[in-house]
Amino acid sequence: MATTVEDVIAKAEMVEIEPKTGVALKPQLLKEEKVNGTEPKPMNGVKADEVGKNESVPEEKAEAGKEAANGGVPKDEGKKEEVAVEIEPKTGVSFPVKVEDGKQLNAVGLRKKAILGLGIKIYGFGIYADQEKLKDLLKSKIGKAPAKPTKDMYQVVIDSDLWMMVRLVIVYSGLTMSMVRKNFDEGLGASIKKLTGGRRNDELSNKVMGEASDDIKLTAGSVIEITRLPGYTLETKVMGEVVSKVESELLCRAYIHMYLGDDAFDKDAREKFGVSLLSLF
């Protein structure tokens, strides 16, 4: 018997194509199988009643993978806040304006050393402090804000027991710890003499660099952090490693005096620090 156009159309209506796999589905046949108490056979590993349910699975897995890579935090929430920096103009060294617990940068400067009559740039430095505690200290000791930074303001900070840190970033390549130790011993020694009426204390000043090996090479960009901790403790870190922790009020005062005293390493940095203090009143 010849096939008519109507027969072809009738058969075509019974065939449904699954769009992703291209497999022909036969819904009428599937219904008959269920009526007879048997589960329809899976086609290409996918049950007919699950076709379409799994279409979103790849996207869901992809999103889950992205969140897992971010430690379970959605991508928009995993972004870290970018910290602004301040550039020390004479060296080009950058310092973050904030460090741990919101402590802020008050001033940047340069330490130079005269060698054979030449002013050699040794390191750039940034002075950090706890702003809220500085503010309370100044208000209790000074009272009203002066018109410009005063010696008394600097002295209050030098003598205090508040957290302060000076971050040093080496700019002179080829330095060794031996050279840095000698430089610190000279600077601290002079500062101690100034605060004690001329008495030397070499043993105390020698403790700052502690157990740091003299053979350590400090290339340009190496970081040394010297922090005055509450309790008059001076902690020194060389490239992230603690090399000394000395409890001494005199040592703490002498160290901060090198940067904020009358004969500070960098007078411009001292002035900037003073201006930052005025803004706290």
C-alpha atoms as a PDB file:
ATOM      1  CA  MET A   1       0.000   0.000   0.000  1.00  0.00           C
ATOM      2  CA  ALA A   2       1.458   3.379  -0.969  1.00  0.00           C
ATOM      3  CA  THR A   3       2.408   5.818   1.782  1.00  0.00           C
ATOM      4  CA  THR A   4       0.307   8.947   1.698  1.00  0.00           C
ATOM      5  CA  VAL A   5       1.267  12.464   2.782  1.00  0.00           C
ATOM      6  CA  GLU A   6      -1.231  12.180   5.641  1.00  0.00           C
ATOM      7  CA  ASP A   7       0.590   9.076   6.957  1.00  0.00           C
ATOM      8  CA  VAL A   8       3.925  10.900   6.998  1.00  0.00           C
ATOM      9  CA  ILE A   9       2.457  13.893   8.837  1.00  0.00           C
ATOM     10  CA  ALA A  10       0.740  11.651  11.373  1.00  0.00           C
ATOM     11  CA  LYS A  11       3.994   9.846  12.148  1.00  0.00           C
ATOM     12  CA  ALA A  12       5.959  13.096  12.323  1.00  0.00           C
ATOM     13  CA  GLU A  13       3.622  14.462  14.958  1.00  0.00           C
ATOM     14  CA  MET A  14       4.472  11.555  17.211  1.00  0.00           C
ATOM     15  CA  VAL A  15       8.229  12.284  17.117  1.00  0.00           C
ATOM     16  CA  GLU A  16       9.819  14.882  19.411  1.00  0.00           C
ATOM     17  CA  ILE A  17      13.498  15.791  19.118  1.00  0.00           C
ATOM     18  CA  GLU A  18      15.538  16.421  22.299  1.00  0.00           C
ATOM     19  CA  PRO A  19      17.354  19.698  21.416  1.00  0.00           C
ATOM     20  CA  LYS A  20      20.687  19.004  23.174  1.00  0.00           C
ATOM     21  CA  THR A  21      21.264  15.384  22.144  1.00  0.00           C
ATOM     22  CA  GLY A  22      19.355  15.262  18.859  1.00  0.00           C
ATOM     23  CA  VAL A  23      17.729  12.001  20.018  1.00  0.00           C
ATOM     24  CA  ALA A  24      14.151  11.342  18.942  1.00  0.00           C
ATOM     25  CA  LEU A  25      11.737  11.021  21.860  1.00  0.00           C
ATOM     26  CA  LYS A  26       8.549   8.976  21.606  1.00  0.00           C
ATOM     27  CA  PRO A  27       6.221  10.301  24.269  1.00  0.00           C
ATOM     28  CA  GLN A  28       3.346   7.999  23.346  1.00  0.00           C
ATOM     29  CA  LEU A  29       5.528   4.924  23.670  1.00  0.00           C
ATOM     30  CA  LEU A  30       6.947   6.179  26.977  1.00  0.00           C
ATOM     31  CA  LYS A  31       3.459   6.684  28.376  1.00  0.00           C
ATOM     32  CA  GLU A  32       2.482   3.141  27.387  1.00  0.00           C
ATOM     33  CA  GLU A  33       5.512   1.724  29.202  1.00  0.00           C
ATOM     34  CA  LYS A  34       4.597   3.559  32.404  1.00  0.00           C
ATOM     35  CA  VAL A  35       1.030   2.332  32.185  1.00  0.00           C
ATOM     36  CA  ASN A  36       2.326  -1.237  31.944  1.00  0.00           C
ATOM     37  CA  GLY A  37       4.263  -0.737  35.191  1.00  0.00           C
ATOM     38  CA  THR A  38       7.734  -0.447  33.718  1.00  0.00           C
ATOM     39  CA  GLU A  39      10.091   2.503  33.816  1.00  0.00           C
ATOM     40  CA  PRO A  40      10.935   3.969  30.436  1.00  0.00           C
ATOM     41  CA  LYS A  41      14.415   3.083  29.258  1.00  0.00           C
ATOM     42  CA  PRO A  42      16.996   5.868  29.500  1.00  0.00           C
ATOM     43  CA  MET A  43      18.042   7.343  26.196  1.00  0.00           C
ATOM     44  CA  ASN A  44      21.754   8.209  25.935  1.00  0.00           C
ATOM     45  CA  GLY A  45      21.958   7.831  29.733  1.00  0.00           C
ATOM     46  CA  VAL A  46      19.196  10.384  30.422  1.00  0.00           C
ATOM     47  CA  LYS A  47      15.712   9.462  31.565  1.00  0.00           C
ATOM     48  CA  ALA A  48      12.984  11.071  29.551  1.00  0.00           C
ATOM     49  CA  ASP A  49      11.388  12.739  32.568  1.00  0.00           C
ATOM     50  CA  GLU A  50      14.773  14.201  33.539  1.00  0.00           C
ATOM     51  CA  VAL A  51      15.399  15.765  30.158  1.00  0.00           C
ATOM     52  CA  GLY A  52      15.552  19.513  30.667  1.00  0.00           C
ATOM     53  CA  LYS A  53      16.108  19.219  34.424  1.00  0.00           C
ATOM     54  CA  ASN A  54      19.858  18.881  34.019  1.00  0.00           C
ATOM     55  CA  GLU A  55      20.245  21.678  31.511  1.00  0.00           C
ATOM     56  CA  SER A  56      21.306  24.143  34.221  1.00  0.00           C
ATOM     57  CA  VAL A  57      23.733  21.752  35.970  1.00  0.00           C
ATOM     58  CA  PRO A  58      26.904  22.774  34.059  1.00  0.00           C
ATOM     59  CA  GLU A  59      26.277  26.446  34.865  1.00  0.00           C
ATOM     60  CA  GLU A  60      25.605  25.667  38.533  1.00  0.00           C
ATOM     61  CA  LYS A  61      28.811  23.605  38.755  1.00  0.00           C
ATOM     62  CA  ALA A  62      30.774  26.394  37.125  1.00  0.00           C
ATOM     63  CA  GLU A  63      29.491  28.929  39.656  1.00  0.00           C
ATOM     64  CA  ALA A  64      30.203  26.510  42.521  1.00  0.00           C
ATOM     65  CA  GLY A  65      33.744  26.070  41.216  1.00  0.00           C
ATOM     66  CA  LYS A  66      34.304  29.827  41.161  1.00  0.00           C
ATOM     67  CA  GLU A  67      33.070  30.187  44.733  1.00  0.00           C
ATOM     68  CA  ALA A  68      35.275  27.280  45.879  1.00  0.00           C
ATOM     69  CA  ALA A  69      38.284  29.011  44.349  1.00  0.00           C
ATOM     70  CA  ASN A  70      37.440  32.090  46.402  1.00  0.00           C
ATOM     71  CA  GLY A  71      37.237  30.089  49.614  1.00  0.00           C
ATOM     72  CA  GLY A  72      33.466  29.790  49.450  1.00  0.00           C
ATOM     73  CA  VAL A  73      32.999  33.545  49.101  1.00  0.00           C
ATOM     74  CA  PRO A  74      31.022  34.849  46.111  1.00  0.00           C
ATOM     75  CA  LYS A  75      33.307  36.530  43.590  1.00  0.00           C
ATOM     76  CA  ASP A  76      32.047  40.054  44.314  1.00  0.00           C
ATOM     77  CA  GLU A  77      32.602  39.614  48.050  1.00  0.00           C
ATOM     78  CA  GLY A  78      36.095  38.060  47.694  1.00  0.00           C
ATOM     79  CA  LYS A  79      37.763  41.245  46.456  1.00  0.00           C
ATOM     80  CA  LYS A  80      40.240  42.816  48.873  1.00  0.00           C
ATOM     81  CA  GLU A  81      40.250  46.528  49.450  1.00  0.00           C
ATOM     82  CA  GLU A  82      43.180  48.150  47.701  1.00  0.00           C
ATOM     83  CA  VAL A  83      45.399  50.140  50.059  1.00  0.00           C
ATOM     84  CA  ALA A  84      46.604  53.534  48.858  1.00  0.00           C
ATOM     85  CA  VAL A  85      50.314  54.323  48.974  1.00  0.00           C
ATOM     86  CA  GLU A  86      52.448  57.421  49.404  1.00  0.00           C
ATOM     87  CA  ILE A  87      55.646  57.834  47.405  1.00  0.00           C
ATOM     88  CA  GLU A  88      58.812  59.111  49.067  1.00  0.00           C
ATOM     89  CA  PRO A  89      59.876  61.639  46.372  1.00  0.00           C
ATOM     90  CA  LYS A  90      63.669  61.430  46.744  1.00  0.00           C
ATOM     91  CA  THR A  91      63.817  57.640  46.416  1.00  0.00           C
ATOM     92  CA  GLY A  92      60.599  56.652  44.636  1.00  0.00           C
ATOM     93  CA  VAL A  93      59.849  54.144  47.404  1.00  0.00           C
ATOM     94  CA  SER A  94      56.138  53.592  48.074  1.00  0.00           C
ATOM     95  CA  PHE A  95      54.631  53.142  51.541  1.00  0.00           C
ATOM     96  CA  PRO A  96      51.074  51.926  52.264  1.00  0.00           C
ATOM     97  CA  VAL A  97      49.086  54.639  54.036  1.00  0.00           C
ATOM     98  CA  LYS A  98      47.604  52.044  56.410  1.00  0.00           C
ATOM     99  CA  VAL A  99      49.028  48.962  58.097  1.00  0.00           C
ATOM    100  CA  GLU A 100      47.716  46.520  60.709  1.00  0.00           C
ATOM    101  CA  ASP A 101      44.622  47.493  62.694  1.00  0.00           C
ATOM    102  CA  GLY A 102      44.207  50.744  60.782  1.00  0.00           C
ATOM    103  CA  LYS A 103      47.428  52.332  62.010  1.00  0.00           C
ATOM    104  CA  GLN A 104      48.384  55.093  59.597  1.00  0.00           C
ATOM    105  CA  LEU A 105      51.362  56.621  57.852  1.00  0.00           C
ATOM    106  CA  ASN A 106      52.276  60.050  59.259  1.00  0.00           C
ATOM    107  CA  ALA A 107      55.374  60.940  57.246  1.00  0.00           C
ATOM    108  CA  VAL A 108      57.937  59.635  54.760  1.00  0.00           C
ATOM    109  CA  GLY A 109      61.594  60.578  54.466  1.00  0.00           C
ATOM    110  CA  LEU A 110      65.134  59.675  53.458  1.00  0.00           C
ATOM    111  CA  ARG A 111      68.189  58.589  55.415  1.00  0.00           C
ATOM    112  CA  LYS A 112      71.423  59.759  53.801  1.00  0.00           C
ATOM    113  CA  LYS A 113      74.980  59.017  54.814  1.00  0.00           C
ATOM    114  CA  ALA A 114      78.083  61.013  53.926  1.00  0.00           C
ATOM    115  CA  ILE A 115      80.671  58.716  52.328  1.00  0.00           C
ATOM    116  CA  LEU A 116      83.854  60.280  50.935  1.00  0.00           C
ATOM    117  CA  GLY A 117      82.113  63.622  50.941  1.00  0.00           C
ATOM    118  CA  LEU A 118      79.117  62.340  48.981  1.00  0.00           C
ATOM    119  CA  GLY A 119      75.572  62.139  50.318  1.00  0.00           C
ATOM    120  CA  ILE A 120      74.599  58.514  49.669  1.00  0.00           C
ATOM    121  CA  LYS A 121      70.928  57.526  49.881  1.00  0.00           C
ATOM    122  CA  ILE A 122      70.736  54.570  52.262  1.00  0.00           C
ATOM    123  CA  TYR A 123      67.025  53.978  52.782  1.00  0.00           C
ATOM    124  CA  GLY A 124      63.609  55.556  52.492  1.00  0.00           C
ATOM    125  CA  PHE A 125      61.461  55.418  55.606  1.00  0.00           C
ATOM    126  CA  GLY A 126      57.839  55.739  56.652  1.00  0.00           C
ATOM    127  CA  ILE A 127      56.697  56.623  60.180  1.00  0.00           C
ATOM    128  CA  TYR A 128      53.463  54.970  61.338  1.00  0.00           C
ATOM    129  CA  ALA A 129      51.441  55.571  64.497  1.00  0.00           C
ATOM    130  CA  ASP A 130      48.163  54.738  66.229  1.00  0.00           C
ATOM    131  CA  GLN A 131      46.156  57.865  65.375  1.00  0.00           C
ATOM    132  CA  GLU A 132      43.429  57.537  67.997  1.00  0.00           C
ATOM    133  CA  LYS A 133      45.872  57.051  70.858  1.00  0.00           C
ATOM    134  CA  LEU A 134      48.086  59.844  69.566  1.00  0.00           C
ATOM    135  CA  LYS A 135      45.048  62.105  69.509  1.00  0.00           C
ATOM    136  CA  ASP A 136      44.160  61.279  73.125  1.00  0.00           C
ATOM    137  CA  LEU A 137      47.786  61.765  74.194  1.00  0.00           C
ATOM    138  CA  LEU A 138      48.136  65.190  72.574  1.00  0.00           C
ATOM    139  CA  LYS A 139      44.853  66.462  73.965  1.00  0.00           C
ATOM    140  CA  SER A 140      45.785  65.355  77.472  1.00  0.00           C
ATOM    141  CA  LYS A 141      49.358  66.712  77.360  1.00  0.00           C
ATOM    142  CA  ILE A 142      49.124  69.744  75.064  1.00  0.00           C
ATOM    143  CA  GLY A 143      45.478  70.760  75.224  1.00  0.00           C
ATOM    144  CA  LYS A 144      44.695  73.200  72.422  1.00  0.00           C
ATOM    145  CA  ALA A 145      46.286  72.933  69.009  1.00  0.00           C
ATOM    146  CA  PRO A 146      49.251  75.305  68.529  1.00  0.00           C
ATOM    147  CA  ALA A 147      49.604  77.362  65.350  1.00  0.00           C
ATOM    148  CA  LYS A 148      52.486  75.174  64.178  1.00  0.00           C
ATOM    149  CA  PRO A 149      54.321  72.050  65.384  1.00  0.00           C
ATOM    150  CA  THR A 150      56.250  72.688  68.595  1.00  0.00           C
ATOM    151  CA  LYS A 151      59.184  71.016  70.301  1.00  0.00           C
ATOM    152  CA  ASP A 152      56.880  70.017  73.162  1.00  0.00           C
ATOM    153  CA  MET A 153      54.621  68.141  70.744  1.00  0.00           C
ATOM    154  CA  TYR A 154      57.507  66.117  69.373  1.00  0.00           C
ATOM    155  CA  GLN A 155      58.859  65.459  72.864  1.00  0.00           C
ATOM    156  CA  VAL A 156      55.504  64.135  74.068  1.00  0.00           C
ATOM    157  CA  VAL A 157      55.541  61.590  71.234  1.00  0.00           C
ATOM    158  CA  ILE A 158      59.202  60.665  71.826  1.00  0.00           C
ATOM    159  CA  ASP A 159      58.623  60.060  75.540  1.00  0.00           C
ATOM    160  CA  SER A 160      55.330  58.203  75.146  1.00  0.00           C
ATOM    161  CA  ASP A 161      54.686  54.483  75.352  1.00  0.00           C
ATOM    162  CA  LEU A 162      52.404  54.374  72.305  1.00  0.00           C
ATOM    163  CA  TRP A 163      52.733  52.011  69.350  1.00  0.00           C
ATOM    164  CA  MET A 164      54.909  53.472  66.600  1.00  0.00           C
ATOM    165  CA  MET A 165      56.755  51.889  63.709  1.00  0.00           C
ATOM    166  CA  VAL A 166      59.427  53.092  61.313  1.00  0.00           C
ATOM    167  CA  ARG A 167      59.551  51.037  58.128  1.00  0.00           C
ATOM    168  CA  LEU A 168      62.888  51.221  56.325  1.00  0.00           C
ATOM    169  CA  VAL A 169      63.163  50.285  52.651  1.00  0.00           C
ATOM    170  CA  ILE A 170      66.751  49.894  51.446  1.00  0.00           C
ATOM    171  CA  VAL A 171      67.621  51.855  48.292  1.00  0.00           C
ATOM    172  CA  TYR A 172      71.427  51.485  48.327  1.00  0.00           C
ATOM    173  CA  SER A 173      72.208  48.092  46.816  1.00  0.00           C
ATOM    174  CA  GLY A 174      75.059  46.033  48.206  1.00  0.00           C
ATOM    175  CA  LEU A 175      74.458  46.782  51.885  1.00  0.00           C
ATOM    176  CA  THR A 176      75.240  44.082  54.421  1.00  0.00           C
ATOM    177  CA  MET A 177      73.842  43.751  57.927  1.00  0.00           C
ATOM    178  CA  SER A 178      77.298  44.659  59.206  1.00  0.00           C
ATOM    179  CA  MET A 179      77.080  48.051  57.474  1.00  0.00           C
ATOM    180  CA  VAL A 180      73.507  48.632  58.669  1.00  0.00           C
ATOM    181  CA  ARG A 181      74.452  47.629  62.219  1.00  0.00           C
ATOM    182  CA  LYS A 182      77.326  50.117  62.225  1.00  0.00           C
ATOM    183  CA  ASN A 183      75.043  52.858  60.901  1.00  0.00           C
ATOM    184  CA  PHE A 184      72.445  52.184  63.594  1.00  0.00           C
ATOM    185  CA  ASP A 185      75.016  51.972  66.348  1.00  0.00           C
ATOM    186  CA  GLU A 186      76.311  55.417  65.385  1.00  0.00           C
ATOM    187  CA  GLY A 187      72.870  57.004  65.076  1.00  0.00           C
ATOM    188  CA  LEU A 188      71.439  55.444  68.213  1.00  0.00           C
ATOM    189  CA  GLY A 189      74.628  56.071  70.153  1.00  0.00           C
ATOM    190  CA  ALA A 190      74.433  59.784  69.372  1.00  0.00           C
ATOM    191  CA  SER A 191      70.729  59.863  70.247  1.00  0.00           C
ATOM    192  CA  ILE A 192      71.307  58.105  73.586  1.00  0.00           C
ATOM    193  CA  LYS A 193      74.081  60.560  74.449  1.00  0.00           C
ATOM    194  CA  LYS A 194      71.736  63.447  73.668  1.00  0.00           C
ATOM    195  CA  LEU A 195      69.055  62.098  75.997  1.00  0.00           C
ATOM    196  CA  THR A 196      71.432  61.176  78.841  1.00  0.00           C
ATOM    197  CA  GLY A 197      73.534  64.313  78.971  1.00  0.00           C
ATOM    198  CA  GLY A 198      76.516  62.860  77.122  1.00  0.00           C
ATOM    199  CA  ARG A 199      76.706  59.334  78.551  1.00  0.00           C
ATOM    200  CA  ARG A 200      77.366  56.529  76.071  1.00  0.00           C
ATOM    201  CA  ASN A 201      75.626  53.163  76.195  1.00  0.00           C
ATOM    202  CA  ASP A 202      77.062  51.086  73.372  1.00  0.00           C
ATOM    203  CA  GLU A 203      75.775  47.838  74.831  1.00  0.00           C
ATOM    204  CA  LEU A 204      72.196  49.075  74.592  1.00  0.00           C
ATOM    205  CA  SER A 205      72.468  50.479  71.073  1.00  0.00           C
ATOM    206  CA  ASN A 206      74.104  47.259  69.844  1.00  0.00           C
ATOM    207  CA  LYS A 207      71.015  45.263  70.819  1.00  0.00           C
ATOM    208  CA  VAL A 208      68.780  46.724  68.099  1.00  0.00           C
ATOM    209  CA  MET A 209      70.001  44.476  65.297  1.00  0.00           C
ATOM    210  CA  GLY A 210      70.260  41.586  67.746  1.00  0.00           C
ATOM    211  CA  GLU A 211      70.922  38.199  66.195  1.00  0.00           C
ATOM    212  CA  ALA A 212      70.774  39.300  62.556  1.00  0.00           C
ATOM    213  CA  SER A 213      73.725  37.743  60.745  1.00  0.00           C
ATOM    214  CA  ASP A 214      76.335  40.192  59.477  1.00  0.00           C
ATOM    215  CA  ASP A 215      76.455  38.173  56.241  1.00  0.00           C
ATOM    216  CA  ILE A 216      72.857  38.998  55.252  1.00  0.00           C
ATOM    217  CA  LYS A 217      72.803  40.854  51.933  1.00  0.00           C
ATOM    218  CA  LEU A 218      70.280  43.663  51.826  1.00  0.00           C
ATOM    219  CA  THR A 219      69.403  44.347  48.210  1.00  0.00           C
ATOM    220  CA  ALA A 220      67.431  47.386  47.076  1.00  0.00           C
ATOM    221  CA  GLY A 221      63.839  46.910  48.249  1.00  0.00           C
ATOM    222  CA  SER A 222      64.711  44.929  51.402  1.00  0.00           C
ATOM    223  CA  VAL A 223      62.527  45.938  54.345  1.00  0.00           C
ATOM    224  CA  ILE A 224      63.453  46.479  57.992  1.00  0.00           C
ATOM    225  CA  GLU A 225      60.700  47.348  60.486  1.00  0.00           C
ATOM    226  CA  ILE A 226      61.510  48.711  63.927  1.00  0.00           C
ATOM    227  CA  THR A 227      58.497  49.037  66.188  1.00  0.00           C
ATOM    228  CA  ARG A 228      58.027  50.597  69.599  1.00  0.00           C
ATOM    229  CA  LEU A 229      55.510  48.402  71.388  1.00  0.00           C
ATOM    230  CA  PRO A 230      53.542  49.354  74.522  1.00  0.00           C
ATOM    231  CA  GLY A 231      55.668  48.545  77.564  1.00  0.00           C
ATOM    232  CA  TYR A 232      58.701  50.378  76.101  1.00  0.00           C
ATOM    233  CA  THR A 233      59.729  47.400  73.993  1.00  0.00           C
ATOM    234  CA  LEU A 234      61.636  47.896  70.748  1.00  0.00           C
ATOM    235  CA  GLU A 235      61.132  45.094  68.219  1.00  0.00           C
ATOM    236  CA  THR A 236      63.239  44.753  65.078  1.00  0.00           C
ATOM    237  CA  LYS A 237      62.260  42.721  62.016  1.00  0.00           C
ATOM    238  CA  VAL A 238      64.585  42.157  59.079  1.00  0.00           C
ATOM    239  CA  MET A 239      62.697  40.985  55.975  1.00  0.00           C
ATOM    240  CA  GLY A 240      59.822  39.749  58.141  1.00  0.00           C
ATOM    241  CA  GLU A 241      61.952  37.895  60.709  1.00  0.00           C
ATOM    242  CA  VAL A 242      62.167  39.133  64.297  1.00  0.00           C
ATOM    243  CA  VAL A 243      65.857  39.569  65.169  1.00  0.00           C
ATOM    244  CA  SER A 244      65.514  41.391  68.489  1.00  0.00           C
ATOM    245  CA  LYS A 245      62.993  42.463  71.100  1.00  0.00           C
ATOM    246  CA  VAL A 246      64.469  44.722  73.767  1.00  0.00           C
ATOM    247  CA  GLU A 247      62.592  46.194  76.721  1.00  0.00           C
ATOM    248  CA  SER A 248      64.132  49.587  77.478  1.00  0.00           C
ATOM    249  CA  GLU A 249      62.520  52.999  77.886  1.00  0.00           C
ATOM    250  CA  LEU A 250      65.783  54.761  77.016  1.00  0.00           C
ATOM    251  CA  LEU A 251      66.260  52.718  73.844  1.00  0.00           C
ATOM    252  CA  CYS A 252      62.679  53.389  72.700  1.00  0.00           C
ATOM    253  CA  ARG A 253      62.986  57.115  73.316  1.00  0.00           C
ATOM    254  CA  ALA A 254      66.396  57.277  71.622  1.00  0.00           C
ATOM    255  CA  TYR A 255      65.145  55.464  68.544  1.00  0.00           C
ATOM    256  CA  ILE A 256      62.128  57.740  67.969  1.00  0.00           C
ATOM    257  CA  HIS A 257      64.349  60.732  68.767  1.00  0.00           C
ATOM    258  CA  MET A 258      66.468  59.921  65.686  1.00  0.00           C
ATOM    259  CA  TYR A 259      63.441  60.766  63.521  1.00  0.00           C
ATOM    260  CA  LEU A 260      61.615  63.398  65.585  1.00  0.00           C
ATOM    261  CA  GLY A 261      64.379  65.069  67.613  1.00  0.00           C
ATOM    262  CA  ASP A 262      66.003  68.450  66.919  1.00  0.00           C
ATOM    263  CA  ASP A 263      68.714  66.834  64.783  1.00  0.00           C
ATOM    264  CA  ALA A 264      66.404  64.381  62.990  1.00  0.00           C
ATOM    265  CA  PHE A 265      67.686  62.359  60.030  1.00  0.00           C
ATOM    266  CA  ASP A 266      65.261  64.145  57.693  1.00  0.00           C
ATOM    267  CA  LYS A 267      64.001  67.557  58.807  1.00  0.00           C
ATOM    268  CA  ASP A 268      61.283  67.612  56.135  1.00  0.00           C
ATOM    269  CA  ALA A 269      59.897  64.281  57.350  1.00  0.00           C
ATOM    270  CA  ARG A 270      59.916  65.587  60.929  1.00  0.00           C
ATOM    271  CA  GLU A 271      57.971  68.657  59.812  1.00  0.00           C
ATOM    272  CA  LYS A 272      55.416  66.510  57.970  1.00  0.00           C
ATOM    273  CA  PHE A 273      54.956  64.392  61.072  1.00  0.00           C
ATOM    274  CA  GLY A 274      54.358  67.546  63.104  1.00  0.00           C
ATOM    275  CA  VAL A 275      51.730  68.785  60.645  1.00  0.00           C
ATOM    276  CA  SER A 276      49.969  65.415  60.872  1.00  0.00           C
ATOM    277  CA  LEU A 277      49.870  65.826  64.659  1.00  0.00           C
ATOM    278  CA  LEU A 278      48.149  69.208  64.314  1.00  0.00           C
ATOM    279  CA  SER A 279      45.372  67.563  62.311  1.00  0.00           C
ATOM    280  CA  LEU A 280      44.578  65.319  65.294  1.00  0.00           C
ATOM    281  CA  PHE A 281      43.481  68.163  67.582  1.00  0.00           C
END
